[in-house]
PDB file of N, CA and C in Angstrom:
ATOM      1  N   MET A   1    -203.141 152.687  27.167  1.00  0.00           N
ATOM      2  CA  MET A   1    -202.443 151.729  26.630  1.00  0.00           C
ATOM      3  C   MET A   1    -203.181 150.326  26.437  1.00  0.00           C
ATOM      4  N   ASP A   2    -203.121 149.628  26.028  1.00  0.00           N
ATOM      5  CA  ASP A   2    -203.150 148.293  25.833  1.00  0.00           C
ATOM      6  C   ASP A   2    -201.769 146.560  26.283  1.00  0.00           C
ATOM      7  N   GLU A   3    -202.796 146.034  26.880  1.00  0.00           N
ATOM      8  CA  GLU A   3    -201.500 144.943  26.725  1.00  0.00           C
ATOM      9  C   GLU A   3    -200.018 145.574  26.477  1.00  0.00           C
ATOM     10  N   LYS A   4    -200.919 144.684  25.079  1.00  0.00           N
ATOM     11  CA  LYS A   4    -199.833 144.478  24.761  1.00  0.00           C
ATOM     12  C   LYS A   4    -198.689 145.467  23.918  1.00  0.00           C
ATOM     13  N   TYR A   5    -198.775 146.805  24.676  1.00  0.00           N
ATOM     14  CA  TYR A   5    -197.738 147.835  24.766  1.00  0.00           C
ATOM     15  C   TYR A   5    -197.245 147.517  25.709  1.00  0.00           C
ATOM     16  N   HIS A   6    -197.889 147.421  26.818  1.00  0.00           N
ATOM     17  CA  HIS A   6    -197.607 147.311  28.572  1.00  0.00           C
ATOM     18  C   HIS A   6    -196.099 146.085  27.857  1.00  0.00           C
ATOM     19  N   GLU A   7    -196.469 145.361  27.404  1.00  0.00           N
ATOM     20  CA  GLU A   7    -196.004 143.775  27.430  1.00  0.00           C
ATOM     21  C   GLU A   7    -194.621 144.518  27.059  1.00  0.00           C
ATOM     22  N   LYS A   8    -194.617 144.861  25.280  1.00  0.00           N
ATOM     23  CA  LYS A   8    -193.609 145.375  24.525  1.00  0.00           C
ATOM     24  C   LYS A   8    -192.605 145.982  25.490  1.00  0.00           C
ATOM     25  N   LEU A   9    -193.031 147.366  26.302  1.00  0.00           N
ATOM     26  CA  LEU A   9    -192.424 148.034  27.131  1.00  0.00           C
ATOM     27  C   LEU A   9    -191.628 147.483  27.686  1.00  0.00           C
ATOM     28  N   LYS A  10    -191.959 146.310  28.981  1.00  0.00           N
ATOM     29  CA  LYS A  10    -191.380 144.975  29.584  1.00  0.00           C
ATOM     30  C   LYS A  10    -190.054 144.842  28.860  1.00  0.00           C
ATOM     31  N   ARG A  11    -190.434 144.380  27.925  1.00  0.00           N
ATOM     32  CA  ARG A  11    -190.189 142.979  27.170  1.00  0.00           C
ATOM     33  C   ARG A  11    -188.348 143.937  26.505  1.00  0.00           C
ATOM     34  N   ILE A  12    -188.630 145.606  26.161  1.00  0.00           N
ATOM     35  CA  ILE A  12    -187.872 145.867  25.644  1.00  0.00           C
ATOM     36  C   ILE A  12    -186.649 146.955  27.222  1.00  0.00           C
ATOM     37  N   MET A  13    -187.075 146.947  28.314  1.00  0.00           N
ATOM     38  CA  MET A  13    -186.686 147.639  29.408  1.00  0.00           C
ATOM     39  C   MET A  13    -185.981 146.233  30.139  1.00  0.00           C
ATOM     40  N   ASP A  14    -186.384 145.138  29.915  1.00  0.00           N
ATOM     41  CA  ASP A  14    -185.606 143.675  30.124  1.00  0.00           C
ATOM     42  C   ASP A  14    -184.772 143.539  29.516  1.00  0.00           C
ATOM     43  N   GLU A  15    -184.590 143.990  28.604  1.00  0.00           N
ATOM     44  CA  GLU A  15    -183.659 143.711  27.411  1.00  0.00           C
ATOM     45  C   GLU A  15    -182.391 144.686  27.490  1.00  0.00           C
ATOM     46  N   TYR A  16    -182.367 145.933  27.572  1.00  0.00           N
ATOM     47  CA  TYR A  16    -182.065 147.122  28.253  1.00  0.00           C
ATOM     48  C   TYR A  16    -181.220 147.164  29.746  1.00  0.00           C
ATOM     49  N   VAL A  17    -181.471 146.249  30.749  1.00  0.00           N
ATOM     50  CA  VAL A  17    -181.392 146.298  31.647  1.00  0.00           C
ATOM     51  C   VAL A  17    -180.326 144.703  31.865  1.00  0.00           C
ATOM     52  N   HIS A  18    -180.429 143.804  31.144  1.00  0.00           N
ATOM     53  CA  HIS A  18    -179.561 142.425  30.758  1.00  0.00           C
ATOM     54  C   HIS A  18    -178.333 143.102  30.145  1.00  0.00           C
ATOM     55  N   LEU A  19    -178.503 143.759  29.116  1.00  0.00           N
ATOM     56  CA  LEU A  19    -177.424 144.891  28.309  1.00  0.00           C
ATOM     57  C   LEU A  19    -176.826 145.411  29.612  1.00  0.00           C
ATOM     58  N   ILE A  20    -176.907 146.633  29.927  1.00  0.00           N
ATOM     59  CA  ILE A  20    -176.178 146.928  31.135  1.00  0.00           C
ATOM     60  C   ILE A  20    -175.147 145.807  32.165  1.00  0.00           C
ATOM     61  N   TYR A  21    -176.101 145.056  33.031  1.00  0.00           N
ATOM     62  CA  TYR A  21    -175.471 143.736  33.571  1.00  0.00           C
ATOM     63  C   TYR A  21    -174.587 143.311  32.552  1.00  0.00           C
ATOM     64  N   LYS A  22    -174.769 143.217  31.339  1.00  0.00           N
ATOM     65  CA  LYS A  22    -173.589 142.127  30.932  1.00  0.00           C
ATOM     66  C   LYS A  22    -172.346 143.652  30.394  1.00  0.00           C
ATOM     67  N   LEU A  23    -172.552 144.845  30.373  1.00  0.00           N
ATOM     68  CA  LEU A  23    -171.878 146.053  29.957  1.00  0.00           C
ATOM     69  C   LEU A  23    -170.958 145.758  31.297  1.00  0.00           C
ATOM     70  N   THR A  24    -171.121 146.099  31.820  1.00  0.00           N
ATOM     71  CA  THR A  24    -170.627 146.765  33.108  1.00  0.00           C
ATOM     72  C   THR A  24    -169.530 145.567  34.183  1.00  0.00           C
ATOM     73  N   LYS A  25    -170.341 144.740  33.208  1.00  0.00           N
ATOM     74  CA  LYS A  25    -169.123 143.252  33.564  1.00  0.00           C
ATOM     75  C   LYS A  25    -167.631 143.710  33.145  1.00  0.00           C
ATOM     76  N   THR A  26    -167.468 143.864  32.037  1.00  0.00           N
ATOM     77  CA  THR A  26    -165.848 144.858  31.292  1.00  0.00           C
ATOM     78  C   THR A  26    -165.336 146.253  32.023  1.00  0.00           C
ATOM     79  N   PHE A  27    -166.231 146.742  32.890  1.00  0.00           N
ATOM     80  CA  PHE A  27    -165.915 148.128  33.593  1.00  0.00           C
ATOM     81  C   PHE A  27    -164.554 147.694  34.860  1.00  0.00           C
ATOM     82  N   PRO A  28    -163.414 148.376  34.196  1.00  0.00           N
ATOM     83  CA  PRO A  28    -162.880 148.793  35.682  1.00  0.00           C
ATOM     84  C   PRO A  28    -163.122 148.355  36.723  1.00  0.00           C
ATOM     85  N   LYS A  29    -162.169 147.783  37.405  1.00  0.00           N
ATOM     86  CA  LYS A  29    -162.601 146.829  39.432  1.00  0.00           C
ATOM     87  C   LYS A  29    -162.870 147.460  40.206  1.00  0.00           C
ATOM     88  N   ASP A  30    -162.046 148.863  40.552  1.00  0.00           N
ATOM     89  CA  ASP A  30    -161.876 150.081  40.692  1.00  0.00           C
ATOM     90  C   ASP A  30    -163.338 150.949  41.185  1.00  0.00           C
ATOM     91  N   GLU A  31    -163.865 150.665  39.785  1.00  0.00           N
ATOM     92  CA  GLU A  31    -165.407 151.278  39.792  1.00  0.00           C
ATOM     93  C   GLU A  31    -166.556 150.117  40.154  1.00  0.00           C
ATOM     94  N   LEU A  32    -166.445 149.002  40.759  1.00  0.00           N
ATOM     95  CA  LEU A  32    -167.469 148.044  41.106  1.00  0.00           C
ATOM     96  C   LEU A  32    -168.696 148.802  42.162  1.00  0.00           C
ATOM     97  N   PHE A  33    -168.091 149.679  43.043  1.00  0.00           N
ATOM     98  CA  PHE A  33    -168.633 150.128  44.027  1.00  0.00           C
ATOM     99  C   PHE A  33    -168.800 151.893  43.802  1.00  0.00           C
ATOM    100  N   GLY A  34    -168.279 152.053  42.319  1.00  0.00           N
ATOM    101  CA  GLY A  34    -169.283 153.310  41.902  1.00  0.00           C
ATOM    102  C   GLY A  34    -170.018 152.870  40.723  1.00  0.00           C
ATOM    103  N   VAL A  35    -169.526 153.764  39.588  1.00  0.00           N
ATOM    104  CA  VAL A  35    -170.322 153.310  38.634  1.00  0.00           C
ATOM    105  C   VAL A  35    -170.932 151.878  38.125  1.00  0.00           C
ATOM    106  N   VAL A  36    -170.430 151.185  38.153  1.00  0.00           N
ATOM    107  CA  VAL A  36    -170.845 149.339  37.925  1.00  0.00           C
ATOM    108  C   VAL A  36    -172.261 149.707  38.572  1.00  0.00           C
ATOM    109  N   SER A  37    -171.871 150.015  40.326  1.00  0.00           N
ATOM    110  CA  SER A  37    -173.350 149.997  41.100  1.00  0.00           C
ATOM    111  C   SER A  37    -174.605 150.367  40.802  1.00  0.00           C
ATOM    112  N   GLN A  38    -173.564 151.416  40.665  1.00  0.00           N
ATOM    113  CA  GLN A  38    -174.882 153.077  40.377  1.00  0.00           C
ATOM    114  C   GLN A  38    -175.697 153.171  39.410  1.00  0.00           C
ATOM    115  N   LEU A  39    -174.953 152.563  37.798  1.00  0.00           N
ATOM    116  CA  LEU A  39    -175.434 152.151  36.896  1.00  0.00           C
ATOM    117  C   LEU A  39    -176.486 150.822  36.282  1.00  0.00           C
ATOM    118  N   ARG A  40    -176.236 150.009  37.708  1.00  0.00           N
ATOM    119  CA  ARG A  40    -177.352 148.864  37.425  1.00  0.00           C
ATOM    120  C   ARG A  40    -178.333 149.252  38.281  1.00  0.00           C
ATOM    121  N   ARG A  41    -177.898 149.805  39.380  1.00  0.00           N
ATOM    122  CA  ARG A  41    -178.910 149.490  40.569  1.00  0.00           C
ATOM    123  C   ARG A  41    -180.150 150.480  39.350  1.00  0.00           C
ATOM    124  N   ALA A  42    -179.731 151.778  38.833  1.00  0.00           N
ATOM    125  CA  ALA A  42    -180.551 153.023  37.760  1.00  0.00           C
ATOM    126  C   ALA A  42    -181.605 151.711  37.141  1.00  0.00           C
ATOM    127  N   ALA A  43    -180.735 150.932  36.179  1.00  0.00           N
ATOM    128  CA  ALA A  43    -181.256 150.512  34.760  1.00  0.00           C
ATOM    129  C   ALA A  43    -182.202 149.316  35.385  1.00  0.00           C
ATOM    130  N   LEU A  44    -181.853 148.406  36.466  1.00  0.00           N
ATOM    131  CA  LEU A  44    -182.630 147.287  37.364  1.00  0.00           C
ATOM    132  C   LEU A  44    -183.933 148.607  37.763  1.00  0.00           C
ATOM    133  N   SER A  45    -183.942 149.386  38.284  1.00  0.00           N
ATOM    134  CA  SER A  45    -184.742 150.901  38.991  1.00  0.00           C
ATOM    135  C   SER A  45    -185.760 150.798  38.085  1.00  0.00           C
ATOM    136  N   VAL A  46    -185.259 151.327  37.066  1.00  0.00           N
ATOM    137  CA  VAL A  46    -186.308 151.551  35.723  1.00  0.00           C
ATOM    138  C   VAL A  46    -187.551 150.381  35.617  1.00  0.00           C
ATOM    139  N   ILE A  47    -187.413 149.086  35.375  1.00  0.00           N
ATOM    140  CA  ILE A  47    -188.474 148.483  35.374  1.00  0.00           C
ATOM    141  C   ILE A  47    -188.990 147.939  36.254  1.00  0.00           C
ATOM    142  N   LEU A  48    -188.578 148.260  38.201  1.00  0.00           N
ATOM    143  CA  LEU A  48    -189.122 147.218  39.146  1.00  0.00           C
ATOM    144  C   LEU A  48    -190.430 148.231  39.327  1.00  0.00           C
ATOM    145  N   ASN A  49    -189.739 150.047  38.956  1.00  0.00           N
ATOM    146  CA  ASN A  49    -190.643 150.669  39.272  1.00  0.00           C
ATOM    147  C   ASN A  49    -191.946 150.705  38.155  1.00  0.00           C
ATOM    148  N   TYR A  50    -191.046 150.038  36.728  1.00  0.00           N
ATOM    149  CA  TYR A  50    -192.297 150.862  35.712  1.00  0.00           C
ATOM    150  C   TYR A  50    -193.610 148.966  36.599  1.00  0.00           C
ATOM    151  N   ILE A  51    -192.816 147.961  37.059  1.00  0.00           N
ATOM    152  CA  ILE A  51    -193.893 146.837  37.195  1.00  0.00           C
ATOM    153  C   ILE A  51    -194.515 147.042  38.324  1.00  0.00           C
ATOM    154  N   GLU A  52    -193.979 148.141  39.230  1.00  0.00           N
ATOM    155  CA  GLU A  52    -194.373 147.976  40.652  1.00  0.00           C
ATOM    156  C   GLU A  52    -196.140 148.888  40.355  1.00  0.00           C
ATOM    157  N   GLY A  53    -195.614 150.210  39.903  1.00  0.00           N
ATOM    158  CA  GLY A  53    -196.733 150.996  39.629  1.00  0.00           C
ATOM    159  C   GLY A  53    -197.807 150.373  38.554  1.00  0.00           C
ATOM    160  N   TYR A  54    -197.163 149.841  37.642  1.00  0.00           N
ATOM    161  CA  TYR A  54    -198.526 148.721  36.565  1.00  0.00           C
ATOM    162  C   TYR A  54    -199.463 148.350  37.782  1.00  0.00           C
ATOM    163  N   ALA A  55    -198.884 147.784  38.451  1.00  0.00           N
ATOM    164  CA  ALA A  55    -199.960 146.469  39.822  1.00  0.00           C
ATOM    165  C   ALA A  55    -200.785 147.289  40.741  1.00  0.00           C
ATOM    166  N   ARG A  56    -200.248 149.068  40.558  1.00  0.00           N
ATOM    167  CA  ARG A  56    -200.915 149.517  41.769  1.00  0.00           C
ATOM    168  C   ARG A  56    -202.555 150.094  40.936  1.00  0.00           C
ATOM    169  N   LEU A  57    -203.664 150.536  41.784  1.00  0.00           N
ATOM    170  CA  LEU A  57    -204.655 150.507  40.875  1.00  0.00           C
ATOM    171  C   LEU A  57    -205.518 152.013  41.142  1.00  0.00           C
ATOM    172  N   LYS A  58    -205.191 152.421  42.182  1.00  0.00           N
ATOM    173  CA  LYS A  58    -204.984 154.208  42.078  1.00  0.00           C
ATOM    174  C   LYS A  58    -203.466 154.812  40.756  1.00  0.00           C
ATOM    175  N   ASN A  59    -204.883 155.564  40.223  1.00  0.00           N
ATOM    176  CA  ASN A  59    -203.911 156.508  39.458  1.00  0.00           C
ATOM    177  C   ASN A  59    -202.681 156.769  39.311  1.00  0.00           C
ATOM    178  N   LYS A  60    -203.054 158.160  40.469  1.00  0.00           N
ATOM    179  CA  LYS A  60    -201.764 158.917  40.783  1.00  0.00           C
ATOM    180  C   LYS A  60    -201.142 158.021  41.564  1.00  0.00           C
ATOM    181  N   ILE A  61    -200.840 156.795  42.056  1.00  0.00           N
ATOM    182  CA  ILE A  61    -199.680 155.886  42.698  1.00  0.00           C
ATOM    183  C   ILE A  61    -198.862 155.371  41.696  1.00  0.00           C
ATOM    184  N   ASN A  62    -199.482 154.983  40.379  1.00  0.00           N
ATOM    185  CA  ASN A  62    -199.138 154.305  39.317  1.00  0.00           C
ATOM    186  C   ASN A  62    -198.191 155.178  38.555  1.00  0.00           C
ATOM    187  N   ILE A  63    -198.874 156.927  39.046  1.00  0.00           N
ATOM    188  CA  ILE A  63    -197.794 157.584  38.039  1.00  0.00           C
ATOM    189  C   ILE A  63    -196.974 158.109  38.487  1.00  0.00           C
ATOM    190  N   ASN A  64    -196.842 158.398  39.980  1.00  0.00           N
ATOM    191  CA  ASN A  64    -195.768 158.255  40.583  1.00  0.00           C
ATOM    192  C   ASN A  64    -194.236 156.849  40.821  1.00  0.00           C
ATOM    193  N   PHE A  65    -194.957 155.764  40.662  1.00  0.00           N
ATOM    194  CA  PHE A  65    -193.948 154.632  40.086  1.00  0.00           C
ATOM    195  C   PHE A  65    -193.227 155.211  38.390  1.00  0.00           C
ATOM    196  N   LEU A  66    -194.254 155.659  37.372  1.00  0.00           N
ATOM    197  CA  LEU A  66    -193.336 155.530  36.310  1.00  0.00           C
ATOM    198  C   LEU A  66    -192.660 156.783  35.906  1.00  0.00           C
ATOM    199  N   GLU A  67    -193.697 157.711  36.954  1.00  0.00           N
ATOM    200  CA  GLU A  67    -191.631 159.058  36.897  1.00  0.00           C
ATOM    201  C   GLU A  67    -191.108 158.240  37.904  1.00  0.00           C
ATOM    202  N   ILE A  68    -190.954 157.706  39.058  1.00  0.00           N
ATOM    203  CA  ILE A  68    -189.611 157.012  39.024  1.00  0.00           C
ATOM    204  C   ILE A  68    -189.008 156.153  38.260  1.00  0.00           C
ATOM    205  N   SER A  69    -189.736 155.535  37.739  1.00  0.00           N
ATOM    206  CA  SER A  69    -188.619 154.812  36.815  1.00  0.00           C
ATOM    207  C   SER A  69    -188.035 156.246  35.790  1.00  0.00           C
ATOM    208  N   TYR A  70    -189.206 156.879  34.927  1.00  0.00           N
ATOM    209  CA  TYR A  70    -188.423 157.559  34.109  1.00  0.00           C
ATOM    210  C   TYR A  70    -187.034 158.408  34.740  1.00  0.00           C
ATOM    211  N   GLY A  71    -187.107 158.807  35.793  1.00  0.00           N
ATOM    212  CA  GLY A  71    -186.232 159.477  36.515  1.00  0.00           C
ATOM    213  C   GLY A  71    -185.284 158.380  35.978  1.00  0.00           C
ATOM    214  N   SER A  72    -184.973 156.683  37.192  1.00  0.00           N
ATOM    215  CA  SER A  72    -184.160 155.903  36.970  1.00  0.00           C
ATOM    216  C   SER A  72    -183.853 155.638  35.762  1.00  0.00           C
ATOM    217  N   LEU A  73    -184.360 155.990  34.966  1.00  0.00           N
ATOM    218  CA  LEU A  73    -183.985 156.204  33.580  1.00  0.00           C
ATOM    219  C   LEU A  73    -182.905 156.726  32.806  1.00  0.00           C
ATOM    220  N   GLN A  74    -183.168 158.192  32.965  1.00  0.00           N
ATOM    221  CA  GLN A  74    -182.177 159.314  32.815  1.00  0.00           C
ATOM    222  C   GLN A  74    -181.190 159.091  33.453  1.00  0.00           C
ATOM    223  N   GLU A  75    -181.283 159.217  34.592  1.00  0.00           N
ATOM    224  CA  GLU A  75    -179.927 158.995  35.511  1.00  0.00           C
ATOM    225  C   GLU A  75    -179.331 157.179  34.461  1.00  0.00           C
ATOM    226  N   SER A  76    -180.033 156.282  34.513  1.00  0.00           N
ATOM    227  CA  SER A  76    -178.739 155.416  33.856  1.00  0.00           C
ATOM    228  C   SER A  76    -178.159 156.085  32.229  1.00  0.00           C
ATOM    229  N   LYS A  77    -179.631 156.589  31.362  1.00  0.00           N
ATOM    230  CA  LYS A  77    -178.534 157.567  30.464  1.00  0.00           C
ATOM    231  C   LYS A  77    -177.407 157.981  30.192  1.00  0.00           C
ATOM    232  N   TYR A  78    -177.215 159.275  31.630  1.00  0.00           N
ATOM    233  CA  TYR A  78    -176.060 159.508  31.741  1.00  0.00           C
ATOM    234  C   TYR A  78    -174.633 158.663  31.583  1.00  0.00           C
ATOM    235  N   LEU A  79    -175.248 158.116  33.019  1.00  0.00           N
ATOM    236  CA  LEU A  79    -174.578 156.578  33.656  1.00  0.00           C
ATOM    237  C   LEU A  79    -173.390 156.300  32.358  1.00  0.00           C
ATOM    238  N   VAL A  80    -174.687 155.608  31.110  1.00  0.00           N
ATOM    239  CA  VAL A  80    -173.910 155.487  30.479  1.00  0.00           C
ATOM    240  C   VAL A  80    -173.296 156.188  28.852  1.00  0.00           C
ATOM    241  N   GLN A  81    -173.899 157.554  29.280  1.00  0.00           N
ATOM    242  CA  GLN A  81    -172.641 158.572  28.966  1.00  0.00           C
ATOM    243  C   GLN A  81    -171.338 158.696  29.032  1.00  0.00           C
ATOM    244  N   PHE A  82    -171.695 158.949  30.607  1.00  0.00           N
ATOM    245  CA  PHE A  82    -170.238 159.089  31.178  1.00  0.00           C
ATOM    246  C   PHE A  82    -169.330 157.748  30.903  1.00  0.00           C
ATOM    247  N   SER A  83    -169.814 156.896  31.260  1.00  0.00           N
ATOM    248  CA  SER A  83    -169.204 155.355  30.921  1.00  0.00           C
ATOM    249  C   SER A  83    -167.948 155.413  29.638  1.00  0.00           C
ATOM    250  N   PHE A  84    -168.927 156.137  28.625  1.00  0.00           N
ATOM    251  CA  PHE A  84    -168.641 156.347  27.483  1.00  0.00           C
ATOM    252  C   PHE A  84    -167.974 156.798  27.694  1.00  0.00           C
ATOM    253  N   ALA A  85    -167.630 157.874  27.741  1.00  0.00           N
ATOM    254  CA  ALA A  85    -166.539 159.085  28.011  1.00  0.00           C
ATOM    255  C   ALA A  85    -165.444 158.445  28.672  1.00  0.00           C
ATOM    256  N   GLU A  86    -165.874 157.564  30.113  1.00  0.00           N
ATOM    257  CA  GLU A  86    -164.507 157.528  30.846  1.00  0.00           C
ATOM    258  C   GLU A  86    -163.599 156.417  29.848  1.00  0.00           C
ATOM    259  N   GLY A  87    -164.349 155.734  28.550  1.00  0.00           N
ATOM    260  CA  GLY A  87    -163.831 154.504  27.596  1.00  0.00           C
ATOM    261  C   GLY A  87    -164.354 153.242  28.285  1.00  0.00           C
ATOM    262  N   TYR A  88    -164.993 153.475  29.098  1.00  0.00           N
ATOM    263  CA  TYR A  88    -165.374 151.896  29.299  1.00  0.00           C
ATOM    264  C   TYR A  88    -166.330 150.942  29.046  1.00  0.00           C
ATOM    265  N   LEU A  89    -166.947 152.020  27.536  1.00  0.00           N
ATOM    266  CA  LEU A  89    -168.103 151.797  26.781  1.00  0.00           C
ATOM    267  C   LEU A  89    -167.432 151.464  25.193  1.00  0.00           C
ATOM    268  N   LEU A  90    -167.034 150.359  23.941  1.00  0.00           N
ATOM    269  CA  LEU A  90    -167.486 150.956  23.233  1.00  0.00           C
ATOM    270  C   LEU A  90    -168.039 151.678  22.215  1.00  0.00           C
ATOM    271  N   GLU A  91    -168.297 152.225  21.532  1.00  0.00           N
ATOM    272  CA  GLU A  91    -169.066 153.329  20.902  1.00  0.00           C
ATOM    273  C   GLU A  91    -169.750 152.530  20.309  1.00  0.00           C
ATOM    274  N   ASN A  92    -170.265 150.755  20.031  1.00  0.00           N
ATOM    275  CA  ASN A  92    -171.266 150.241  19.468  1.00  0.00           C
ATOM    276  C   ASN A  92    -172.340 149.720  20.789  1.00  0.00           C
ATOM    277  N   ASP A  93    -171.348 149.692  21.866  1.00  0.00           N
ATOM    278  CA  ASP A  93    -172.500 148.961  22.828  1.00  0.00           C
ATOM    279  C   ASP A  93    -172.929 150.651  23.490  1.00  0.00           C
ATOM    280  N   PHE A  94    -172.491 151.341  23.399  1.00  0.00           N
ATOM    281  CA  PHE A  94    -173.016 153.123  24.119  1.00  0.00           C
ATOM    282  C   PHE A  94    -174.165 153.222  23.316  1.00  0.00           C
ATOM    283  N   ARG A  95    -174.054 152.839  21.757  1.00  0.00           N
ATOM    284  CA  ARG A  95    -175.106 152.980  20.578  1.00  0.00           C
ATOM    285  C   ARG A  95    -176.613 152.534  21.461  1.00  0.00           C
ATOM    286  N   ARG A  96    -176.020 151.136  21.336  1.00  0.00           N
ATOM    287  CA  ARG A  96    -177.130 149.895  21.538  1.00  0.00           C
ATOM    288  C   ARG A  96    -177.888 150.434  22.666  1.00  0.00           C
ATOM    289  N   ALA A  97    -177.333 150.569  23.875  1.00  0.00           N
ATOM    290  CA  ALA A  97    -177.403 151.013  25.080  1.00  0.00           C
ATOM    291  C   ALA A  97    -178.095 152.715  24.935  1.00  0.00           C
ATOM    292  N   ASP A  98    -178.211 153.250  24.071  1.00  0.00           N
ATOM    293  CA  ASP A  98    -179.108 154.768  24.228  1.00  0.00           C
ATOM    294  C   ASP A  98    -179.959 154.669  23.336  1.00  0.00           C
ATOM    295  N   ILE A  99    -180.121 153.763  22.119  1.00  0.00           N
ATOM    296  CA  ILE A  99    -181.322 153.487  20.851  1.00  0.00           C
ATOM    297  C   ILE A  99    -182.160 152.869  22.207  1.00  0.00           C
ATOM    298  N   LEU A 100    -181.851 151.244  23.464  1.00  0.00           N
ATOM    299  CA  LEU A 100    -182.672 151.039  23.719  1.00  0.00           C
ATOM    300  C   LEU A 100    -183.577 152.034  24.664  1.00  0.00           C
ATOM    301  N   ALA A 101    -182.079 152.631  25.627  1.00  0.00           N
ATOM    302  CA  ALA A 101    -182.496 153.549  26.571  1.00  0.00           C
ATOM    303  C   ALA A 101    -183.631 154.898  26.202  1.00  0.00           C
ATOM    304  N   SER A 102    -183.454 155.625  24.641  1.00  0.00           N
ATOM    305  CA  SER A 102    -184.664 156.477  24.271  1.00  0.00           C
ATOM    306  C   SER A 102    -185.697 155.516  24.150  1.00  0.00           C
ATOM    307  N   GLU A 103    -186.034 154.612  23.109  1.00  0.00           N
ATOM    308  CA  GLU A 103    -187.266 154.162  23.018  1.00  0.00           C
ATOM    309  C   GLU A 103    -188.007 153.830  24.474  1.00  0.00           C
ATOM    310  N   ILE A 104    -188.014 153.428  25.398  1.00  0.00           N
ATOM    311  CA  ILE A 104    -188.122 152.941  26.695  1.00  0.00           C
ATOM    312  C   ILE A 104    -188.662 154.314  27.026  1.00  0.00           C
ATOM    313  N   GLY A 105    -187.624 155.443  27.187  1.00  0.00           N
ATOM    314  CA  GLY A 105    -188.364 156.302  27.322  1.00  0.00           C
ATOM    315  C   GLY A 105    -189.456 157.718  26.772  1.00  0.00           C
ATOM    316  N   ALA A 106    -189.454 157.307  25.251  1.00  0.00           N
ATOM    317  CA  ALA A 106    -190.567 157.933  24.230  1.00  0.00           C
ATOM    318  C   ALA A 106    -192.024 157.471  24.824  1.00  0.00           C
ATOM    319  N   MET A 107    -191.611 155.197  25.223  1.00  0.00           N
ATOM    320  CA  MET A 107    -193.022 154.431  25.653  1.00  0.00           C
ATOM    321  C   MET A 107    -193.147 154.831  26.847  1.00  0.00           C
ATOM    322  N   LEU A 108    -192.566 155.335  27.443  1.00  0.00           N
ATOM    323  CA  LEU A 108    -192.548 155.532  29.421  1.00  0.00           C
ATOM    324  C   LEU A 108    -193.900 156.564  29.071  1.00  0.00           C
ATOM    325  N   TRP A 109    -192.918 158.046  28.521  1.00  0.00           N
ATOM    326  CA  TRP A 109    -194.174 159.840  28.446  1.00  0.00           C
ATOM    327  C   TRP A 109    -194.881 159.281  27.766  1.00  0.00           C
ATOM    328  N   ALA A 110    -195.256 158.862  26.806  1.00  0.00           N
ATOM    329  CA  ALA A 110    -196.060 158.724  26.012  1.00  0.00           C
ATOM    330  C   ALA A 110    -197.691 158.145  27.342  1.00  0.00           C
ATOM    331  N   THR A 111    -196.860 157.046  28.225  1.00  0.00           N
ATOM    332  CA  THR A 111    -197.632 155.765  28.928  1.00  0.00           C
ATOM    333  C   THR A 111    -197.757 157.152  30.590  1.00  0.00           C
ATOM    334  N   LEU A 112    -196.943 157.628  30.676  1.00  0.00           N
ATOM    335  CA  LEU A 112    -197.135 158.711  31.770  1.00  0.00           C
ATOM    336  C   LEU A 112    -198.312 159.787  31.228  1.00  0.00           C
ATOM    337  N   ASN A 113    -198.058 160.409  30.004  1.00  0.00           N
ATOM    338  CA  ASN A 113    -198.778 161.476  29.156  1.00  0.00           C
ATOM    339  C   ASN A 113    -200.449 160.837  29.563  1.00  0.00           C
ATOM    340  N   ASN A 114    -200.675 159.828  28.743  1.00  0.00           N
ATOM    341  CA  ASN A 114    -201.979 158.822  28.940  1.00  0.00           C
ATOM    342  C   ASN A 114    -202.741 158.615  30.091  1.00  0.00           C
ATOM    343  N   LYS A 115    -201.684 158.700  31.144  1.00  0.00           N
ATOM    344  CA  LYS A 115    -202.033 158.284  33.381  1.00  0.00           C
ATOM    345  C   LYS A 115    -202.186 159.623  32.927  1.00  0.00           C
ATOM    346  N   ARG A 116    -201.564 161.006  32.858  1.00  0.00           N
ATOM    347  CA  ARG A 116    -201.942 162.140  33.543  1.00  0.00           C
ATOM    348  C   ARG A 116    -203.359 162.918  32.795  1.00  0.00           C
ATOM    349  N   SER A 117    -203.480 162.069  31.641  1.00  0.00           N
ATOM    350  CA  SER A 117    -205.324 162.989  30.930  1.00  0.00           C
ATOM    351  C   SER A 117    -206.216 161.863  31.414  1.00  0.00           C
ATOM    352  N   ASP A 118    -206.073 161.263  32.404  1.00  0.00           N
ATOM    353  CA  ASP A 118    -207.284 160.471  32.807  1.00  0.00           C
ATOM    354  C   ASP A 118    -207.384 160.641  34.106  1.00  0.00           C
ATOM    355  N   THR A 119    -206.640 161.923  34.899  1.00  0.00           N
ATOM    356  CA  THR A 119    -207.212 161.901  36.330  1.00  0.00           C
ATOM    357  C   THR A 119    -207.648 163.413  35.793  1.00  0.00           C
TER     358      THR A 119
END
């Protein structure tokens, strides 16, 4: 994968985590240490693990961080769905977060497959 791909993926991940932080500001105060905290942590973990993995030189270690990033993405996707079902998110905000997460997921999966074929 080229540098443009990496930068595009990072940009979309950054957009996603900022969206999650913005959206969770309106969640009920009694969810501050529940869904809000968990969703923010999971969304931030997506980009942080991707960046840390990208910085690793050994392919197997890089793959491990990419897998953690992908797992955190799936966790955050469920929490977004849960939040929508609980009425914490408007439908258009849910859709926007879901579209970004799906795009990130597809790009991460492609990156993982590419890295795995290199081993």
